[in-house]
Amino acid sequence: MKHITDCTILNNGVTMPWLGFGTYQAKGNEVYEAVKVALAAGYRSIDTAAVYGNEQEVGKAIAESGIARNEIFVTTKVWNDDQGYDSTLRAFEESQKRLGLNVIDLYLIHWPGQDKFKDTWKAMERLYDEGSIRAIGVSNFHVHHLKELMKDSHVVPAVDQVELHPGLIQQELQDFCGAQGIQIEAWSPLMKGKLGDNSTLLGIAQKYGKTPAQIILRWDIQNKIVTIPKSVTPSRIRENADIFDFELSQDELKQIDALNGNKRVGTDPDKLIF
């Protein structure tokens, strides 16, 4: 992991960059400009979702970047209101139109909810088999959700995108996904800035001449976790990508692991029932 374009290989052979660019809560011209800055800085993975309301701007920035389509990995997600077989097929088509893309690299179920995700998955398997999606996966799935989904599926999820940071390591989920060949991807990897003044991270950051955020992102990729920090500030976008010129020691990785407190900044998927 020496370069921003270095990739993991998903369980179906598709490559996905370890570092991606998140677009949650960014809309309009703000997200359009941010994605342009990210692509210019070397990011080659862009994460969006139907519910973010920014797929059109993300697609425009990608189209105008001048970068070959096969060099950019695009992720989007089906929202809760659109779960179910037929509605997922319709939702995917709408995402295609907004992004201006015939093929989407990774399509995720945004949240498991209660009882529709199996039908949603069957629709996604169809789209995958047809070649409209290069890889399919899930987001915010606990181990029990994954086990239930995999009972009746013919495609194992390629990715599980979850809240993960030094305050919430989710080791049981990491171990399960590792055994099943499911790539873990971290959203809110910086715990919404709540770890910026942590003494352990500050000490390690000082040693390498980096910021605590850069230390966390390096911890992610050295733990083989895909990570998608989000910012709309050009300097921060570039700073988040500057994590490939140093390597944390095993002792430092363990020090960061020890910060785990099972603390969420987002919703527990078991409490978001629909």
C-alpha atoms as a PDB file:
ATOM      1  CA  MET A   1       0.000   0.000   0.000  1.00  0.00           C
ATOM      2  CA  LYS A   2       2.408   2.603  -1.285  1.00  0.00           C
ATOM      3  CA  HIS A   3       0.167   4.671  -3.541  1.00  0.00           C
ATOM      4  CA  ILE A   4      -3.318   6.190  -3.562  1.00  0.00           C
ATOM      5  CA  THR A   5      -4.323   3.950  -6.464  1.00  0.00           C
ATOM      6  CA  ASP A   6      -3.328   0.714  -4.684  1.00  0.00           C
ATOM      7  CA  CYS A   7      -6.257  -1.689  -4.554  1.00  0.00           C
ATOM      8  CA  THR A   8      -7.741  -4.610  -2.715  1.00  0.00           C
ATOM      9  CA  ILE A   9      -9.045  -7.510  -4.783  1.00  0.00           C
ATOM     10  CA  LEU A  10     -12.687  -8.274  -3.993  1.00  0.00           C
ATOM     11  CA  ASN A  11     -14.034 -11.819  -3.764  1.00  0.00           C
ATOM     12  CA  ASN A  12     -15.095 -11.780  -7.419  1.00  0.00           C
ATOM     13  CA  GLY A  13     -11.733 -10.547  -8.711  1.00  0.00           C
ATOM     14  CA  VAL A  14     -12.728  -6.879  -9.121  1.00  0.00           C
ATOM     15  CA  THR A  15     -10.165  -4.393  -7.810  1.00  0.00           C
ATOM     16  CA  MET A  16     -11.187  -1.552  -5.478  1.00  0.00           C
ATOM     17  CA  PRO A  17      -8.911   1.236  -4.178  1.00  0.00           C
ATOM     18  CA  TRP A  18      -8.070   1.101  -0.467  1.00  0.00           C
ATOM     19  CA  LEU A  19      -8.681   4.841  -0.189  1.00  0.00           C
ATOM     20  CA  GLY A  20     -11.862   6.383  -1.508  1.00  0.00           C
ATOM     21  CA  PHE A  21     -13.642   9.717  -1.335  1.00  0.00           C
ATOM     22  CA  GLY A  22     -16.918  10.015   0.593  1.00  0.00           C
ATOM     23  CA  THR A  23     -19.662  12.482  -0.359  1.00  0.00           C
ATOM     24  CA  TYR A  24     -22.178  12.161   2.495  1.00  0.00           C
ATOM     25  CA  GLN A  25     -24.071  15.425   3.211  1.00  0.00           C
ATOM     26  CA  ALA A  26     -22.349  17.250   0.340  1.00  0.00           C
ATOM     27  CA  LYS A  27     -24.655  18.562  -2.364  1.00  0.00           C
ATOM     28  CA  GLY A  28     -24.877  20.816  -5.385  1.00  0.00           C
ATOM     29  CA  ASN A  29     -21.843  22.740  -6.558  1.00  0.00           C
ATOM     30  CA  GLU A  30     -20.063  21.970  -3.289  1.00  0.00           C
ATOM     31  CA  VAL A  31     -19.918  18.229  -3.968  1.00  0.00           C
ATOM     32  CA  TYR A  32     -19.209  18.791  -7.673  1.00  0.00           C
ATOM     33  CA  GLU A  33     -16.135  20.875  -6.840  1.00  0.00           C
ATOM     34  CA  ALA A  34     -15.055  18.499  -4.065  1.00  0.00           C
ATOM     35  CA  VAL A  35     -15.127  15.469  -6.357  1.00  0.00           C
ATOM     36  CA  LYS A  36     -13.126  17.393  -8.975  1.00  0.00           C
ATOM     37  CA  VAL A  37     -10.498  18.238  -6.339  1.00  0.00           C
ATOM     38  CA  ALA A  38     -10.418  14.629  -5.124  1.00  0.00           C
ATOM     39  CA  LEU A  39      -9.915  13.223  -8.617  1.00  0.00           C
ATOM     40  CA  ALA A  40      -7.191  15.790  -9.322  1.00  0.00           C
ATOM     41  CA  ALA A  41      -5.503  14.761  -6.052  1.00  0.00           C
ATOM     42  CA  GLY A  42      -5.362  11.155  -7.214  1.00  0.00           C
ATOM     43  CA  TYR A  43      -8.436   9.550  -5.649  1.00  0.00           C
ATOM     44  CA  ARG A  44      -9.885   6.906  -7.942  1.00  0.00           C
ATOM     45  CA  SER A  45     -12.811   5.710  -5.826  1.00  0.00           C
ATOM     46  CA  ILE A  46     -15.895   7.857  -5.240  1.00  0.00           C
ATOM     47  CA  ASP A  47     -18.677   6.840  -2.838  1.00  0.00           C
ATOM     48  CA  THR A  48     -22.210   8.212  -3.082  1.00  0.00           C
ATOM     49  CA  ALA A  49     -25.793   7.038  -2.448  1.00  0.00           C
ATOM     50  CA  ALA A  50     -29.254   7.739  -3.786  1.00  0.00           C
ATOM     51  CA  VAL A  51     -30.333   9.291  -0.489  1.00  0.00           C
ATOM     52  CA  TYR A  52     -27.423  11.748  -0.533  1.00  0.00           C
ATOM     53  CA  GLY A  53     -29.150  13.605  -3.364  1.00  0.00           C
ATOM     54  CA  ASN A  54     -25.844  14.242  -5.140  1.00  0.00           C
ATOM     55  CA  GLU A  55     -25.459  11.461  -7.714  1.00  0.00           C
ATOM     56  CA  GLN A  56     -25.995  13.854 -10.621  1.00  0.00           C
ATOM     57  CA  GLU A  57     -23.240  16.221  -9.468  1.00  0.00           C
ATOM     58  CA  VAL A  58     -20.892  13.326  -8.722  1.00  0.00           C
ATOM     59  CA  GLY A  59     -21.495  11.923 -12.196  1.00  0.00           C
ATOM     60  CA  LYS A  60     -20.906  15.310 -13.797  1.00  0.00           C
ATOM     61  CA  ALA A  61     -17.577  15.759 -12.004  1.00  0.00           C
ATOM     62  CA  ILE A  62     -16.472  12.279 -13.092  1.00  0.00           C
ATOM     63  CA  ALA A  63     -17.514  12.874 -16.690  1.00  0.00           C
ATOM     64  CA  GLU A  64     -15.666  16.196 -16.852  1.00  0.00           C
ATOM     65  CA  SER A  65     -12.505  14.923 -15.147  1.00  0.00           C
ATOM     66  CA  GLY A  66     -10.903  13.625 -18.341  1.00  0.00           C
ATOM     67  CA  ILE A  67      -9.996  10.416 -16.512  1.00  0.00           C
ATOM     68  CA  ALA A  68     -10.845   7.176 -18.276  1.00  0.00           C
ATOM     69  CA  ARG A  69     -14.002   5.573 -16.917  1.00  0.00           C
ATOM     70  CA  ASN A  70     -12.252   2.280 -16.189  1.00  0.00           C
ATOM     71  CA  GLU A  71      -9.847   4.079 -13.869  1.00  0.00           C
ATOM     72  CA  ILE A  72     -12.586   5.331 -11.514  1.00  0.00           C
ATOM     73  CA  PHE A  73     -14.425   3.066  -9.078  1.00  0.00           C
ATOM     74  CA  VAL A  74     -17.951   4.341  -8.346  1.00  0.00           C
ATOM     75  CA  THR A  75     -20.110   3.150  -5.462  1.00  0.00           C
ATOM     76  CA  THR A  76     -23.755   3.998  -4.862  1.00  0.00           C
ATOM     77  CA  LYS A  77     -26.509   2.523  -2.708  1.00  0.00           C
ATOM     78  CA  VAL A  78     -30.193   1.629  -2.770  1.00  0.00           C
ATOM     79  CA  TRP A  79     -32.125   3.555  -0.118  1.00  0.00           C
ATOM     80  CA  ASN A  80     -34.481   2.038   2.436  1.00  0.00           C
ATOM     81  CA  ASP A  81     -37.667   3.309   0.775  1.00  0.00           C
ATOM     82  CA  ASP A  82     -36.704   1.518  -2.445  1.00  0.00           C
ATOM     83  CA  GLN A  83     -35.997  -1.908  -0.973  1.00  0.00           C
ATOM     84  CA  GLY A  84     -37.817  -4.861  -2.528  1.00  0.00           C
ATOM     85  CA  TYR A  85     -37.278  -6.652  -5.840  1.00  0.00           C
ATOM     86  CA  ASP A  86     -39.045  -4.470  -8.409  1.00  0.00           C
ATOM     87  CA  SER A  87     -38.397  -1.202  -6.588  1.00  0.00           C
ATOM     88  CA  THR A  88     -34.669  -1.961  -6.374  1.00  0.00           C
ATOM     89  CA  LEU A  89     -34.515  -2.501 -10.143  1.00  0.00           C
ATOM     90  CA  ARG A  90     -36.227   0.866 -10.646  1.00  0.00           C
ATOM     91  CA  ALA A  91     -34.002   2.606  -8.107  1.00  0.00           C
ATOM     92  CA  PHE A  92     -30.873   1.264  -9.766  1.00  0.00           C
ATOM     93  CA  GLU A  93     -31.998   2.543 -13.155  1.00  0.00           C
ATOM     94  CA  GLU A  94     -32.573   5.995 -11.661  1.00  0.00           C
ATOM     95  CA  SER A  95     -29.086   5.980 -10.101  1.00  0.00           C
ATOM     96  CA  GLN A  96     -27.638   5.006 -13.478  1.00  0.00           C
ATOM     97  CA  LYS A  97     -29.367   7.974 -15.106  1.00  0.00           C
ATOM     98  CA  ARG A  98     -28.311  10.463 -12.438  1.00  0.00           C
ATOM     99  CA  LEU A  99     -24.702   9.288 -12.479  1.00  0.00           C
ATOM    100  CA  GLY A 100     -24.655   9.050 -16.267  1.00  0.00           C
ATOM    101  CA  LEU A 101     -23.133   5.582 -16.062  1.00  0.00           C
ATOM    102  CA  ASN A 102     -24.224   2.363 -17.734  1.00  0.00           C
ATOM    103  CA  VAL A 103     -22.208   0.211 -15.351  1.00  0.00           C
ATOM    104  CA  ILE A 104     -21.764   0.923 -11.645  1.00  0.00           C
ATOM    105  CA  ASP A 105     -18.725  -0.603  -9.965  1.00  0.00           C
ATOM    106  CA  LEU A 106     -20.284  -1.334  -6.568  1.00  0.00           C
ATOM    107  CA  TYR A 107     -23.947  -1.243  -5.534  1.00  0.00           C
ATOM    108  CA  LEU A 108     -24.828  -1.592  -1.867  1.00  0.00           C
ATOM    109  CA  ILE A 109     -27.944  -2.149   0.241  1.00  0.00           C
ATOM    110  CA  HIS A 110     -27.746   0.980   2.395  1.00  0.00           C
ATOM    111  CA  TRP A 111     -29.296  -0.465   5.590  1.00  0.00           C
ATOM    112  CA  PRO A 112     -30.588  -3.968   6.385  1.00  0.00           C
ATOM    113  CA  GLY A 113     -33.890  -2.979   7.953  1.00  0.00           C
ATOM    114  CA  GLN A 114     -36.164  -5.839   8.896  1.00  0.00           C
ATOM    115  CA  ASP A 115     -37.529  -8.028   6.133  1.00  0.00           C
ATOM    116  CA  LYS A 116     -36.939  -6.676   2.617  1.00  0.00           C
ATOM    117  CA  PHE A 117     -33.205  -7.031   2.165  1.00  0.00           C
ATOM    118  CA  LYS A 118     -33.415 -10.567   0.752  1.00  0.00           C
ATOM    119  CA  ASP A 119     -35.720  -9.458  -2.081  1.00  0.00           C
ATOM    120  CA  THR A 120     -33.489  -6.427  -2.624  1.00  0.00           C
ATOM    121  CA  TRP A 121     -30.476  -8.728  -2.855  1.00  0.00           C
ATOM    122  CA  LYS A 122     -32.158 -10.965  -5.425  1.00  0.00           C
ATOM    123  CA  ALA A 123     -32.701  -7.919  -7.639  1.00  0.00           C
ATOM    124  CA  MET A 124     -29.061  -6.927  -7.179  1.00  0.00           C
ATOM    125  CA  GLU A 125     -27.924 -10.443  -8.050  1.00  0.00           C
ATOM    126  CA  ARG A 126     -29.910 -10.170 -11.288  1.00  0.00           C
ATOM    127  CA  LEU A 127     -28.283  -6.829 -12.127  1.00  0.00           C
ATOM    128  CA  TYR A 128     -24.881  -8.293 -11.302  1.00  0.00           C
ATOM    129  CA  ASP A 129     -25.483 -11.351 -13.460  1.00  0.00           C
ATOM    130  CA  GLU A 130     -26.580  -9.066 -16.314  1.00  0.00           C
ATOM    131  CA  GLY A 131     -23.349  -7.054 -16.038  1.00  0.00           C
ATOM    132  CA  SER A 132     -24.891  -3.761 -14.949  1.00  0.00           C
ATOM    133  CA  ILE A 133     -22.936  -3.904 -11.675  1.00  0.00           C
ATOM    134  CA  ARG A 134     -19.345  -5.113 -11.308  1.00  0.00           C
ATOM    135  CA  ALA A 135     -19.740  -6.004  -7.607  1.00  0.00           C
ATOM    136  CA  ILE A 136     -22.610  -6.042  -5.108  1.00  0.00           C
ATOM    137  CA  GLY A 137     -22.465  -5.617  -1.372  1.00  0.00           C
ATOM    138  CA  VAL A 138     -24.132  -4.282   1.728  1.00  0.00           C
ATOM    139  CA  SER A 139     -23.806  -1.450   4.197  1.00  0.00           C
ATOM    140  CA  ASN A 140     -24.439  -1.423   7.945  1.00  0.00           C
ATOM    141  CA  PHE A 141     -24.949  -5.190   8.142  1.00  0.00           C
ATOM    142  CA  HIS A 142     -24.139  -6.964  11.403  1.00  0.00           C
ATOM    143  CA  VAL A 143     -22.989 -10.593  11.411  1.00  0.00           C
ATOM    144  CA  HIS A 144     -26.538 -11.883  11.905  1.00  0.00           C
ATOM    145  CA  HIS A 145     -27.769  -9.846   8.919  1.00  0.00           C
ATOM    146  CA  LEU A 146     -25.015 -11.290   6.738  1.00  0.00           C
ATOM    147  CA  LYS A 147     -25.752 -14.847   7.834  1.00  0.00           C
ATOM    148  CA  GLU A 148     -29.450 -14.402   7.063  1.00  0.00           C
ATOM    149  CA  LEU A 149     -28.728 -12.875   3.655  1.00  0.00           C
ATOM    150  CA  MET A 150     -26.278 -15.596   2.675  1.00  0.00           C
ATOM    151  CA  LYS A 151     -28.696 -18.418   3.479  1.00  0.00           C
ATOM    152  CA  ASP A 152     -30.556 -17.937   0.200  1.00  0.00           C
ATOM    153  CA  SER A 153     -28.133 -16.018  -2.009  1.00  0.00           C
ATOM    154  CA  HIS A 154     -25.923 -17.236  -4.821  1.00  0.00           C
ATOM    155  CA  VAL A 155     -23.568 -14.248  -4.611  1.00  0.00           C
ATOM    156  CA  VAL A 156     -21.580 -13.572  -1.433  1.00  0.00           C
ATOM    157  CA  PRO A 157     -21.452  -9.811  -0.708  1.00  0.00           C
ATOM    158  CA  ALA A 158     -18.193  -8.328  -1.934  1.00  0.00           C
ATOM    159  CA  VAL A 159     -18.205  -5.488   0.616  1.00  0.00           C
ATOM    160  CA  ASP A 160     -19.789  -4.543   3.940  1.00  0.00           C
ATOM    161  CA  GLN A 161     -19.529  -0.787   4.465  1.00  0.00           C
ATOM    162  CA  VAL A 162     -19.975   0.001   8.162  1.00  0.00           C
ATOM    163  CA  GLU A 163     -19.199   2.601  10.785  1.00  0.00           C
ATOM    164  CA  LEU A 164     -15.664   1.748  11.832  1.00  0.00           C
ATOM    165  CA  HIS A 165     -12.964   3.809  13.542  1.00  0.00           C
ATOM    166  CA  PRO A 166     -10.608   3.406  16.524  1.00  0.00           C
ATOM    167  CA  GLY A 167     -13.557   3.985  18.842  1.00  0.00           C
ATOM    168  CA  LEU A 168     -15.609   1.221  17.185  1.00  0.00           C
ATOM    169  CA  ILE A 169     -13.413  -1.561  15.810  1.00  0.00           C
ATOM    170  CA  GLN A 170     -16.177  -4.170  15.350  1.00  0.00           C
ATOM    171  CA  GLN A 171     -13.711  -7.055  15.686  1.00  0.00           C
ATOM    172  CA  GLU A 172     -16.353  -9.801  15.537  1.00  0.00           C
ATOM    173  CA  LEU A 173     -17.631  -8.398  12.248  1.00  0.00           C
ATOM    174  CA  GLN A 174     -14.095  -8.017  10.913  1.00  0.00           C
ATOM    175  CA  ASP A 175     -13.319 -11.641  11.770  1.00  0.00           C
ATOM    176  CA  PHE A 176     -16.528 -12.941  10.185  1.00  0.00           C
ATOM    177  CA  CYS A 177     -16.090 -10.926   7.008  1.00  0.00           C
ATOM    178  CA  GLY A 178     -12.461 -11.991   6.769  1.00  0.00           C
ATOM    179  CA  ALA A 179     -13.489 -15.644   6.955  1.00  0.00           C
ATOM    180  CA  GLN A 180     -16.177 -15.149   4.289  1.00  0.00           C
ATOM    181  CA  GLY A 181     -14.052 -13.099   1.905  1.00  0.00           C
ATOM    182  CA  ILE A 182     -16.137  -9.949   2.434  1.00  0.00           C
ATOM    183  CA  GLN A 183     -14.167  -6.698   2.292  1.00  0.00           C
ATOM    184  CA  ILE A 184     -14.810  -4.345   5.220  1.00  0.00           C
ATOM    185  CA  GLU A 185     -15.141  -0.663   4.286  1.00  0.00           C
ATOM    186  CA  ALA A 186     -15.200   2.088   6.907  1.00  0.00           C
ATOM    187  CA  TRP A 187     -17.590   5.017   6.847  1.00  0.00           C
ATOM    188  CA  SER A 188     -17.030   7.833   9.339  1.00  0.00           C
ATOM    189  CA  PRO A 189     -13.437   6.587   9.707  1.00  0.00           C
ATOM    190  CA  LEU A 190     -12.470   9.714  11.659  1.00  0.00           C
ATOM    191  CA  MET A 191     -15.386   9.422  14.124  1.00  0.00           C
ATOM    192  CA  LYS A 192     -16.598  12.849  12.983  1.00  0.00           C
ATOM    193  CA  GLY A 193     -13.454  14.483  14.360  1.00  0.00           C
ATOM    194  CA  LYS A 194     -13.975  13.219  17.901  1.00  0.00           C
ATOM    195  CA  LEU A 195     -10.534  11.587  18.019  1.00  0.00           C
ATOM    196  CA  GLY A 196      -8.528  14.643  16.984  1.00  0.00           C
ATOM    197  CA  ASP A 197      -7.312  15.397  20.490  1.00  0.00           C
ATOM    198  CA  ASN A 198      -6.617  11.820  21.565  1.00  0.00           C
ATOM    199  CA  SER A 199      -3.194  11.673  23.236  1.00  0.00           C
ATOM    200  CA  THR A 200      -2.235   8.314  21.702  1.00  0.00           C
ATOM    201  CA  LEU A 201      -3.004   9.493  18.193  1.00  0.00           C
ATOM    202  CA  LEU A 202      -1.347  12.865  18.794  1.00  0.00           C
ATOM    203  CA  GLY A 203       1.832  11.160  19.961  1.00  0.00           C
ATOM    204  CA  ILE A 204       2.026   8.862  16.952  1.00  0.00           C
ATOM    205  CA  ALA A 205       1.146  11.745  14.623  1.00  0.00           C
ATOM    206  CA  GLN A 206       3.979  13.862  16.022  1.00  0.00           C
ATOM    207  CA  LYS A 207       6.475  11.053  15.399  1.00  0.00           C
ATOM    208  CA  TYR A 208       5.609  10.887  11.694  1.00  0.00           C
ATOM    209  CA  GLY A 209       4.877  14.571  11.113  1.00  0.00           C
ATOM    210  CA  LYS A 210       1.272  13.737  10.324  1.00  0.00           C
ATOM    211  CA  THR A 211      -2.176  14.620  11.705  1.00  0.00           C
ATOM    212  CA  PRO A 212      -4.266  12.283  13.887  1.00  0.00           C
ATOM    213  CA  ALA A 213      -6.643  11.909  10.930  1.00  0.00           C
ATOM    214  CA  GLN A 214      -3.822  10.715   8.693  1.00  0.00           C
ATOM    215  CA  ILE A 215      -2.734   8.230  11.372  1.00  0.00           C
ATOM    216  CA  ILE A 216      -6.272   6.801  11.563  1.00  0.00           C
ATOM    217  CA  LEU A 217      -6.554   6.449   7.788  1.00  0.00           C
ATOM    218  CA  ARG A 218      -3.171   4.714   7.665  1.00  0.00           C
ATOM    219  CA  TRP A 219      -4.321   2.403  10.491  1.00  0.00           C
ATOM    220  CA  ASP A 220      -7.342   1.523   8.350  1.00  0.00           C
ATOM    221  CA  ILE A 221      -5.478   0.479   5.260  1.00  0.00           C
ATOM    222  CA  GLN A 222      -2.756  -1.367   7.177  1.00  0.00           C
ATOM    223  CA  ASN A 223      -5.585  -3.356   8.782  1.00  0.00           C
ATOM    224  CA  LYS A 224      -6.876  -4.079   5.260  1.00  0.00           C
ATOM    225  CA  ILE A 225      -9.930  -1.874   5.717  1.00  0.00           C
ATOM    226  CA  VAL A 226     -11.086   0.212   2.762  1.00  0.00           C
ATOM    227  CA  THR A 227     -11.706   3.751   3.976  1.00  0.00           C
ATOM    228  CA  ILE A 228     -13.667   6.693   2.537  1.00  0.00           C
ATOM    229  CA  PRO A 229     -13.002   9.961   4.407  1.00  0.00           C
ATOM    230  CA  LYS A 230     -15.256  12.834   3.422  1.00  0.00           C
ATOM    231  CA  SER A 231     -14.399  16.521   3.190  1.00  0.00           C
ATOM    232  CA  VAL A 232     -15.334  19.457   0.993  1.00  0.00           C
ATOM    233  CA  THR A 233     -12.226  21.450   1.946  1.00  0.00           C
ATOM    234  CA  PRO A 234      -9.558  21.145  -0.781  1.00  0.00           C
ATOM    235  CA  SER A 235      -6.616  21.195   1.624  1.00  0.00           C
ATOM    236  CA  ARG A 236      -8.201  18.496   3.793  1.00  0.00           C
ATOM    237  CA  ILE A 237      -9.085  16.368   0.766  1.00  0.00           C
ATOM    238  CA  ARG A 238      -5.432  16.411  -0.287  1.00  0.00           C
ATOM    239  CA  GLU A 239      -4.222  15.898   3.295  1.00  0.00           C
ATOM    240  CA  ASN A 240      -6.362  12.785   3.714  1.00  0.00           C
ATOM    241  CA  ALA A 241      -4.665  11.285   0.663  1.00  0.00           C
ATOM    242  CA  ASP A 242      -1.157  11.937   1.995  1.00  0.00           C
ATOM    243  CA  ILE A 243      -0.853   8.660   3.896  1.00  0.00           C
ATOM    244  CA  PHE A 244       1.309   6.558   1.612  1.00  0.00           C
ATOM    245  CA  ASP A 245       4.776   7.771   2.604  1.00  0.00           C
ATOM    246  CA  PHE A 246       4.979   6.155   6.048  1.00  0.00           C
ATOM    247  CA  GLU A 247       4.073   2.914   7.791  1.00  0.00           C
ATOM    248  CA  LEU A 248       2.834   2.328  11.338  1.00  0.00           C
ATOM    249  CA  SER A 249       4.598  -0.287  13.433  1.00  0.00           C
ATOM    250  CA  GLN A 250       2.790  -3.312  14.839  1.00  0.00           C
ATOM    251  CA  ASP A 251       3.036  -1.766  18.304  1.00  0.00           C
ATOM    252  CA  GLU A 252       1.470   1.457  17.072  1.00  0.00           C
ATOM    253  CA  LEU A 253      -1.341  -0.463  15.394  1.00  0.00           C
ATOM    254  CA  LYS A 254      -2.029  -2.218  18.711  1.00  0.00           C
ATOM    255  CA  GLN A 255      -2.009   1.115  20.584  1.00  0.00           C
ATOM    256  CA  ILE A 256      -4.695   2.396  18.237  1.00  0.00           C
ATOM    257  CA  ASP A 257      -6.668  -0.860  18.535  1.00  0.00           C
ATOM    258  CA  ALA A 258      -6.706  -0.318  22.303  1.00  0.00           C
ATOM    259  CA  LEU A 259      -8.744   2.883  21.843  1.00  0.00           C
ATOM    260  CA  ASN A 260     -11.802   0.769  21.043  1.00  0.00           C
ATOM    261  CA  GLY A 261     -14.759   1.612  23.269  1.00  0.00           C
ATOM    262  CA  ASN A 262     -17.614   0.293  21.073  1.00  0.00           C
ATOM    263  CA  LYS A 263     -18.807   3.888  20.689  1.00  0.00           C
ATOM    264  CA  ARG A 264     -20.952   4.825  17.717  1.00  0.00           C
ATOM    265  CA  VAL A 265     -21.464   8.260  16.210  1.00  0.00           C
ATOM    266  CA  GLY A 266     -24.122   6.870  13.871  1.00  0.00           C
ATOM    267  CA  THR A 267     -27.183   4.668  14.258  1.00  0.00           C
ATOM    268  CA  ASP A 268     -26.969   1.046  15.370  1.00  0.00           C
ATOM    269  CA  PRO A 269     -28.376  -0.964  12.432  1.00  0.00           C
ATOM    270  CA  ASP A 270     -30.405  -3.091  14.837  1.00  0.00           C
ATOM    271  CA  LYS A 271     -32.254   0.047  15.940  1.00  0.00           C
ATOM    272  CA  LEU A 272     -33.096   1.310  12.455  1.00  0.00           C
ATOM    273  CA  ILE A 273     -36.112  -0.847  11.683  1.00  0.00           C
ATOM    274  CA  PHE A 274     -38.215  -0.333   8.565  1.00  0.00           C
END
